[in-house]
Amino acid sequence: MIASVREHHQRAQEKLSQKGAFVDVIKDVADRERMEAYSNNFFDYFPGNFNKLDGVIYAVGHCPPNGFPEAVKYPLSQLPLERYLNEINMHQVGVLNVFQCMLKNLKDGGCFVFISSAITRLKGQFPPFLQAHHYASAISAKDWLVEGMRHDPITTRRRIKVHRLAPVAVDSPFFDGSPRPPEIIPISTVVDEIVLALESEEIVDKQIT
């Protein structure tokens, strides 16, 4: 199992490791060449005598230097293009890279667990301070990529399940300061849901609150 994140991954990594998982972190899954090289040599990184994975987790962190207030600072009319491209890289390019590159390392009947976001539930109900429609649009596109993966001829032939978990805001240094989302859940809640998804015989598609 591989956890793919950018920032503030330590607690999730520790909790997954405590549950007996082999956990690794890739710093930039949007870099295709780096991702391909990593996946081609993946089993050189881990001890043990296994050559296939039970599951792959995609849980990208999102934390600009000044945290949440900085992330929700700009309305779309003033959003720097670089910020939107960063969202696309994390939530679309990275997702597709991990799916394509790591698929060969999964055993038949294995799974992907993609961590999405419950932010899309707020359509039409965004609080005034939450200028995060660029993020929500990238998440929505990620969700459609996940749906497409479920119908991919290779995943269906190999019985690979593609799960999606959509938590509300997860407690991390990202939310230090003000304003803060009304709902924040501990990372342990998400980890528990990941473990349940990894063990599930059915496709999991769930909002976590």
C-alpha atoms as a PDB file:
ATOM      1  CA  MET A   1       0.000   0.000   0.000  1.00  0.00           C
ATOM      2  CA  ILE A   2       1.251   3.478  -0.815  1.00  0.00           C
ATOM      3  CA  ALA A   3       0.025   6.764   0.604  1.00  0.00           C
ATOM      4  CA  SER A   4       0.538   9.592  -1.845  1.00  0.00           C
ATOM      5  CA  VAL A   5       0.461  13.024  -0.261  1.00  0.00           C
ATOM      6  CA  ARG A   6       2.158  16.405  -0.279  1.00  0.00           C
ATOM      7  CA  GLU A   7       1.867  18.013   3.138  1.00  0.00           C
ATOM      8  CA  HIS A   8       1.047  17.082   6.741  1.00  0.00           C
ATOM      9  CA  HIS A   9       1.064  13.370   6.026  1.00  0.00           C
ATOM     10  CA  GLN A  10       2.973  12.236   9.094  1.00  0.00           C
ATOM     11  CA  ARG A  11       0.001  11.448  11.327  1.00  0.00           C
ATOM     12  CA  ALA A  12      -1.863   9.506   8.658  1.00  0.00           C
ATOM     13  CA  GLN A  13       1.334   7.657   7.770  1.00  0.00           C
ATOM     14  CA  GLU A  14       1.926   6.710  11.403  1.00  0.00           C
ATOM     15  CA  LYS A  15      -1.643   5.551  11.980  1.00  0.00           C
ATOM     16  CA  LEU A  16      -1.688   3.424   8.841  1.00  0.00           C
ATOM     17  CA  SER A  17       1.665   1.912   9.763  1.00  0.00           C
ATOM     18  CA  GLN A  18       0.316   1.048  13.204  1.00  0.00           C
ATOM     19  CA  LYS A  19      -2.386  -0.977  11.467  1.00  0.00           C
ATOM     20  CA  GLY A  20       0.237  -3.122   9.753  1.00  0.00           C
ATOM     21  CA  ALA A  21       0.447  -1.324   6.417  1.00  0.00           C
ATOM     22  CA  PHE A  22       3.575  -0.585   4.423  1.00  0.00           C
ATOM     23  CA  VAL A  23       3.349   3.132   3.761  1.00  0.00           C
ATOM     24  CA  ASP A  24       5.420   5.304   1.476  1.00  0.00           C
ATOM     25  CA  VAL A  25       5.079   8.919   0.417  1.00  0.00           C
ATOM     26  CA  ILE A  26       5.620  10.445  -3.013  1.00  0.00           C
ATOM     27  CA  LYS A  27       6.238  14.171  -2.929  1.00  0.00           C
ATOM     28  CA  ASP A  28       5.013  15.081  -6.412  1.00  0.00           C
ATOM     29  CA  VAL A  29       2.778  12.631  -8.234  1.00  0.00           C
ATOM     30  CA  ALA A  30       2.129  15.226 -10.937  1.00  0.00           C
ATOM     31  CA  ASP A  31       5.642  14.572 -12.288  1.00  0.00           C
ATOM     32  CA  ARG A  32       4.982  11.782 -14.793  1.00  0.00           C
ATOM     33  CA  GLU A  33       8.593  10.696 -15.338  1.00  0.00           C
ATOM     34  CA  ARG A  34       9.231  10.543 -11.623  1.00  0.00           C
ATOM     35  CA  MET A  35       6.019   8.609 -11.057  1.00  0.00           C
ATOM     36  CA  GLU A  36       6.835   6.086 -13.784  1.00  0.00           C
ATOM     37  CA  ALA A  37      10.358   5.541 -12.457  1.00  0.00           C
ATOM     38  CA  TYR A  38       8.984   5.055  -8.968  1.00  0.00           C
ATOM     39  CA  SER A  39       6.322   2.571 -10.017  1.00  0.00           C
ATOM     40  CA  ASN A  40       8.756   0.577 -12.165  1.00  0.00           C
ATOM     41  CA  ASN A  41      11.087   0.106  -9.198  1.00  0.00           C
ATOM     42  CA  PHE A  42       8.452   0.130  -6.488  1.00  0.00           C
ATOM     43  CA  PHE A  43       9.227  -3.185  -4.840  1.00  0.00           C
ATOM     44  CA  ASP A  44      12.889  -2.266  -4.435  1.00  0.00           C
ATOM     45  CA  TYR A  45      11.775   0.255  -1.803  1.00  0.00           C
ATOM     46  CA  PHE A  46      10.123  -2.209   0.566  1.00  0.00           C
ATOM     47  CA  PRO A  47      11.394  -5.116   2.650  1.00  0.00           C
ATOM     48  CA  GLY A  48       9.657  -8.464   2.427  1.00  0.00           C
ATOM     49  CA  ASN A  49       8.850 -11.061  -0.178  1.00  0.00           C
ATOM     50  CA  PHE A  50       5.788  -9.607  -1.849  1.00  0.00           C
ATOM     51  CA  ASN A  51       5.520  -8.406  -5.417  1.00  0.00           C
ATOM     52  CA  LYS A  52       1.940  -7.171  -5.602  1.00  0.00           C
ATOM     53  CA  LEU A  53      -0.028  -4.606  -3.609  1.00  0.00           C
ATOM     54  CA  ASP A  54      -3.419  -5.063  -1.975  1.00  0.00           C
ATOM     55  CA  GLY A  55      -4.269  -1.402  -2.367  1.00  0.00           C
ATOM     56  CA  VAL A  56      -3.049   2.042  -3.347  1.00  0.00           C
ATOM     57  CA  ILE A  57      -4.172   5.183  -1.518  1.00  0.00           C
ATOM     58  CA  TYR A  58      -4.252   8.630  -3.093  1.00  0.00           C
ATOM     59  CA  ALA A  59      -4.572  11.241  -0.342  1.00  0.00           C
ATOM     60  CA  VAL A  60      -3.119  14.494  -1.545  1.00  0.00           C
ATOM     61  CA  GLY A  61      -2.472  17.164   1.060  1.00  0.00           C
ATOM     62  CA  HIS A  62      -3.242  20.792   0.333  1.00  0.00           C
ATOM     63  CA  CYS A  63      -1.517  23.490   2.329  1.00  0.00           C
ATOM     64  CA  PRO A  64      -0.128  26.764   0.962  1.00  0.00           C
ATOM     65  CA  PRO A  65       2.478  28.434   3.185  1.00  0.00           C
ATOM     66  CA  ASN A  66      -0.079  30.588   5.007  1.00  0.00           C
ATOM     67  CA  GLY A  67      -2.666  27.853   5.409  1.00  0.00           C
ATOM     68  CA  PHE A  68      -6.421  27.988   5.054  1.00  0.00           C
ATOM     69  CA  PRO A  69      -6.935  31.781   5.053  1.00  0.00           C
ATOM     70  CA  GLU A  70      -4.485  32.045   2.155  1.00  0.00           C
ATOM     71  CA  ALA A  71      -6.098  29.157   0.271  1.00  0.00           C
ATOM     72  CA  VAL A  72      -9.545  30.785   0.286  1.00  0.00           C
ATOM     73  CA  LYS A  73      -8.302  34.320  -0.286  1.00  0.00           C
ATOM     74  CA  TYR A  74      -9.086  34.813  -3.969  1.00  0.00           C
ATOM     75  CA  PRO A  75     -12.447  34.768  -5.751  1.00  0.00           C
ATOM     76  CA  LEU A  76     -12.349  33.286  -9.239  1.00  0.00           C
ATOM     77  CA  SER A  77     -12.243  36.770 -10.777  1.00  0.00           C
ATOM     78  CA  GLN A  78      -8.867  37.362  -9.102  1.00  0.00           C
ATOM     79  CA  LEU A  79      -7.468  33.839  -8.826  1.00  0.00           C
ATOM     80  CA  PRO A  80      -3.867  33.546 -10.095  1.00  0.00           C
ATOM     81  CA  LEU A  81      -3.685  30.973 -12.874  1.00  0.00           C
ATOM     82  CA  GLU A  82      -0.771  29.270 -11.123  1.00  0.00           C
ATOM     83  CA  ARG A  83      -3.019  28.397  -8.190  1.00  0.00           C
ATOM     84  CA  TYR A  84      -5.621  26.800 -10.388  1.00  0.00           C
ATOM     85  CA  LEU A  85      -2.996  24.827 -12.278  1.00  0.00           C
ATOM     86  CA  ASN A  86      -1.691  23.603  -8.930  1.00  0.00           C
ATOM     87  CA  GLU A  87      -5.156  22.282  -8.054  1.00  0.00           C
ATOM     88  CA  ILE A  88      -5.394  20.550 -11.429  1.00  0.00           C
ATOM     89  CA  ASN A  89      -1.974  18.962 -10.924  1.00  0.00           C
ATOM     90  CA  MET A  90      -2.881  17.640  -7.481  1.00  0.00           C
ATOM     91  CA  HIS A  91      -6.436  16.519  -8.068  1.00  0.00           C
ATOM     92  CA  GLN A  92      -6.478  15.488 -11.723  1.00  0.00           C
ATOM     93  CA  VAL A  93      -2.996  14.977 -13.189  1.00  0.00           C
ATOM     94  CA  GLY A  94      -1.704  13.320 -10.021  1.00  0.00           C
ATOM     95  CA  VAL A  95      -4.724  11.037  -9.770  1.00  0.00           C
ATOM     96  CA  LEU A  96      -4.386   9.879 -13.361  1.00  0.00           C
ATOM     97  CA  ASN A  97      -0.620   9.390 -13.037  1.00  0.00           C
ATOM     98  CA  VAL A  98      -0.973   7.234  -9.928  1.00  0.00           C
ATOM     99  CA  PHE A  99      -3.770   5.190 -11.475  1.00  0.00           C
ATOM    100  CA  GLN A 100      -1.920   4.527 -14.724  1.00  0.00           C
ATOM    101  CA  CYS A 101       1.528   3.948 -13.230  1.00  0.00           C
ATOM    102  CA  MET A 102       0.573   1.893 -10.180  1.00  0.00           C
ATOM    103  CA  LEU A 103      -2.080  -0.295 -11.808  1.00  0.00           C
ATOM    104  CA  LYS A 104       0.483  -2.910 -12.806  1.00  0.00           C
ATOM    105  CA  ASN A 105       1.640  -3.206  -9.189  1.00  0.00           C
ATOM    106  CA  LEU A 106      -1.810  -4.141  -7.881  1.00  0.00           C
ATOM    107  CA  LYS A 107      -2.813  -7.751  -7.521  1.00  0.00           C
ATOM    108  CA  ASP A 108      -6.001  -8.871  -9.275  1.00  0.00           C
ATOM    109  CA  GLY A 109      -8.876  -8.096  -6.943  1.00  0.00           C
ATOM    110  CA  GLY A 110      -6.937  -5.244  -5.302  1.00  0.00           C
ATOM    111  CA  CYS A 111      -8.117  -1.674  -4.986  1.00  0.00           C
ATOM    112  CA  PHE A 112      -7.423   2.019  -5.200  1.00  0.00           C
ATOM    113  CA  VAL A 113      -8.684   4.343  -2.464  1.00  0.00           C
ATOM    114  CA  PHE A 114      -8.989   7.926  -3.669  1.00  0.00           C
ATOM    115  CA  ILE A 115      -9.524  10.592  -1.037  1.00  0.00           C
ATOM    116  CA  SER A 116     -11.799  13.249  -2.474  1.00  0.00           C
ATOM    117  CA  SER A 117     -13.632  15.974  -0.552  1.00  0.00           C
ATOM    118  CA  ALA A 118     -17.136  16.661   0.667  1.00  0.00           C
ATOM    119  CA  ILE A 119     -16.809  20.259  -0.506  1.00  0.00           C
ATOM    120  CA  THR A 120     -18.912  19.568  -3.590  1.00  0.00           C
ATOM    121  CA  ARG A 121     -21.921  19.097  -1.261  1.00  0.00           C
ATOM    122  CA  LEU A 122     -21.866  22.887  -0.749  1.00  0.00           C
ATOM    123  CA  LYS A 123     -23.014  23.758  -4.265  1.00  0.00           C
ATOM    124  CA  GLY A 124     -25.073  26.920  -3.895  1.00  0.00           C
ATOM    125  CA  GLN A 125     -24.334  27.062  -0.163  1.00  0.00           C
ATOM    126  CA  PHE A 126     -20.733  28.292   0.031  1.00  0.00           C
ATOM    127  CA  PRO A 127     -20.261  30.573   3.047  1.00  0.00           C
ATOM    128  CA  PRO A 128     -19.053  34.060   2.057  1.00  0.00           C
ATOM    129  CA  PHE A 129     -15.508  33.512   3.335  1.00  0.00           C
ATOM    130  CA  LEU A 130     -15.008  30.261   1.400  1.00  0.00           C
ATOM    131  CA  GLN A 131     -13.563  31.354  -1.944  1.00  0.00           C
ATOM    132  CA  ALA A 132     -12.744  27.770  -2.884  1.00  0.00           C
ATOM    133  CA  HIS A 133     -14.700  27.160  -6.064  1.00  0.00           C
ATOM    134  CA  HIS A 134     -11.447  26.489  -7.929  1.00  0.00           C
ATOM    135  CA  TYR A 135     -10.753  23.678  -5.466  1.00  0.00           C
ATOM    136  CA  ALA A 136     -14.307  22.369  -5.707  1.00  0.00           C
ATOM    137  CA  SER A 137     -14.126  22.283  -9.508  1.00  0.00           C
ATOM    138  CA  ALA A 138     -10.893  20.267  -9.383  1.00  0.00           C
ATOM    139  CA  ILE A 139     -12.457  17.858  -6.874  1.00  0.00           C
ATOM    140  CA  SER A 140     -15.514  17.432  -9.086  1.00  0.00           C
ATOM    141  CA  ALA A 141     -13.260  16.519 -12.011  1.00  0.00           C
ATOM    142  CA  LYS A 142     -11.373  14.058  -9.793  1.00  0.00           C
ATOM    143  CA  ASP A 143     -14.666  12.377  -8.892  1.00  0.00           C
ATOM    144  CA  TRP A 144     -15.463  11.889 -12.568  1.00  0.00           C
ATOM    145  CA  LEU A 145     -12.016  10.413 -13.176  1.00  0.00           C
ATOM    146  CA  VAL A 146     -12.706   7.932 -10.375  1.00  0.00           C
ATOM    147  CA  GLU A 147     -16.036   7.040 -11.946  1.00  0.00           C
ATOM    148  CA  GLY A 148     -14.301   6.423 -15.254  1.00  0.00           C
ATOM    149  CA  MET A 149     -11.701   4.189 -13.600  1.00  0.00           C
ATOM    150  CA  ARG A 150     -14.495   1.995 -12.271  1.00  0.00           C
ATOM    151  CA  HIS A 151     -15.627   1.337 -15.826  1.00  0.00           C
ATOM    152  CA  ASP A 152     -12.145   0.931 -17.293  1.00  0.00           C
ATOM    153  CA  PRO A 153     -11.839  -2.399 -19.172  1.00  0.00           C
ATOM    154  CA  ILE A 154      -8.596  -3.309 -17.370  1.00  0.00           C
ATOM    155  CA  THR A 155      -9.917  -2.650 -13.869  1.00  0.00           C
ATOM    156  CA  THR A 156     -13.131  -4.537 -14.578  1.00  0.00           C
ATOM    157  CA  ARG A 157     -11.313  -7.505 -16.125  1.00  0.00           C
ATOM    158  CA  ARG A 158      -8.901  -7.671 -13.202  1.00  0.00           C
ATOM    159  CA  ARG A 159     -11.674  -7.084 -10.630  1.00  0.00           C
ATOM    160  CA  ILE A 160      -9.880  -4.037  -9.225  1.00  0.00           C
ATOM    161  CA  LYS A 161     -12.126  -1.898  -7.055  1.00  0.00           C
ATOM    162  CA  VAL A 162     -11.868   1.896  -7.137  1.00  0.00           C
ATOM    163  CA  HIS A 163     -13.085   3.456  -3.899  1.00  0.00           C
ATOM    164  CA  ARG A 164     -13.808   7.117  -3.170  1.00  0.00           C
ATOM    165  CA  LEU A 165     -13.919   8.662   0.299  1.00  0.00           C
ATOM    166  CA  ALA A 166     -15.053  12.277   0.611  1.00  0.00           C
ATOM    167  CA  PRO A 167     -14.350  13.710   4.073  1.00  0.00           C
ATOM    168  CA  VAL A 168     -15.321  17.110   5.354  1.00  0.00           C
ATOM    169  CA  ALA A 169     -12.399  19.228   6.557  1.00  0.00           C
ATOM    170  CA  VAL A 170      -9.711  17.088   8.215  1.00  0.00           C
ATOM    171  CA  ASP A 171      -7.922  18.499  11.246  1.00  0.00           C
ATOM    172  CA  SER A 172      -4.402  19.625  10.346  1.00  0.00           C
ATOM    173  CA  PRO A 173      -2.158  22.712  10.594  1.00  0.00           C
ATOM    174  CA  PHE A 174      -3.836  23.809   7.348  1.00  0.00           C
ATOM    175  CA  PHE A 175      -6.720  25.153   9.425  1.00  0.00           C
ATOM    176  CA  ASP A 176      -4.670  27.015  12.022  1.00  0.00           C
ATOM    177  CA  GLY A 177      -5.938  30.567  12.184  1.00  0.00           C
ATOM    178  CA  SER A 178      -9.287  31.956  11.137  1.00  0.00           C
ATOM    179  CA  PRO A 179     -11.776  31.403   9.599  1.00  0.00           C
ATOM    180  CA  ARG A 180     -12.283  27.679  10.196  1.00  0.00           C
ATOM    181  CA  PRO A 181     -14.781  25.314   8.587  1.00  0.00           C
ATOM    182  CA  PRO A 182     -17.797  24.480  10.782  1.00  0.00           C
ATOM    183  CA  GLU A 183     -17.042  20.744  10.573  1.00  0.00           C
ATOM    184  CA  ILE A 184     -13.553  19.349  11.211  1.00  0.00           C
ATOM    185  CA  ILE A 185     -12.877  15.655  11.761  1.00  0.00           C
ATOM    186  CA  PRO A 186      -9.728  13.958  13.125  1.00  0.00           C
ATOM    187  CA  ILE A 187      -7.322  12.198  10.777  1.00  0.00           C
ATOM    188  CA  SER A 188      -7.986   8.966  12.682  1.00  0.00           C
ATOM    189  CA  THR A 189     -11.557   8.949  11.362  1.00  0.00           C
ATOM    190  CA  VAL A 190     -10.307   9.042   7.778  1.00  0.00           C
ATOM    191  CA  VAL A 191      -7.699   6.352   8.450  1.00  0.00           C
ATOM    192  CA  ASP A 192     -10.372   4.065   9.914  1.00  0.00           C
ATOM    193  CA  GLU A 193     -12.515   4.543   6.807  1.00  0.00           C
ATOM    194  CA  ILE A 194      -9.516   3.839   4.557  1.00  0.00           C
ATOM    195  CA  VAL A 195      -8.896   0.548   6.335  1.00  0.00           C
ATOM    196  CA  LEU A 196     -12.564  -0.424   5.976  1.00  0.00           C
ATOM    197  CA  ALA A 197     -12.425   0.397   2.258  1.00  0.00           C
ATOM    198  CA  LEU A 198      -9.269  -1.668   1.789  1.00  0.00           C
ATOM    199  CA  GLU A 199     -11.038  -4.640   3.359  1.00  0.00           C
ATOM    200  CA  SER A 200     -14.343  -4.171   1.523  1.00  0.00           C
ATOM    201  CA  GLU A 201     -15.515  -6.634  -1.117  1.00  0.00           C
ATOM    202  CA  GLU A 202     -17.808  -3.956  -2.566  1.00  0.00           C
ATOM    203  CA  ILE A 203     -16.977  -0.586  -4.090  1.00  0.00           C
ATOM    204  CA  VAL A 204     -17.042   2.120  -1.429  1.00  0.00           C
ATOM    205  CA  ASP A 205     -18.253   5.621  -2.288  1.00  0.00           C
ATOM    206  CA  LYS A 206     -18.803   7.551   0.906  1.00  0.00           C
ATOM    207  CA  GLN A 207     -18.941  11.017   2.403  1.00  0.00           C
ATOM    208  CA  ILE A 208     -17.202  11.150   5.793  1.00  0.00           C
ATOM    209  CA  THR A 209     -18.597  13.520   8.409  1.00  0.00           C
END
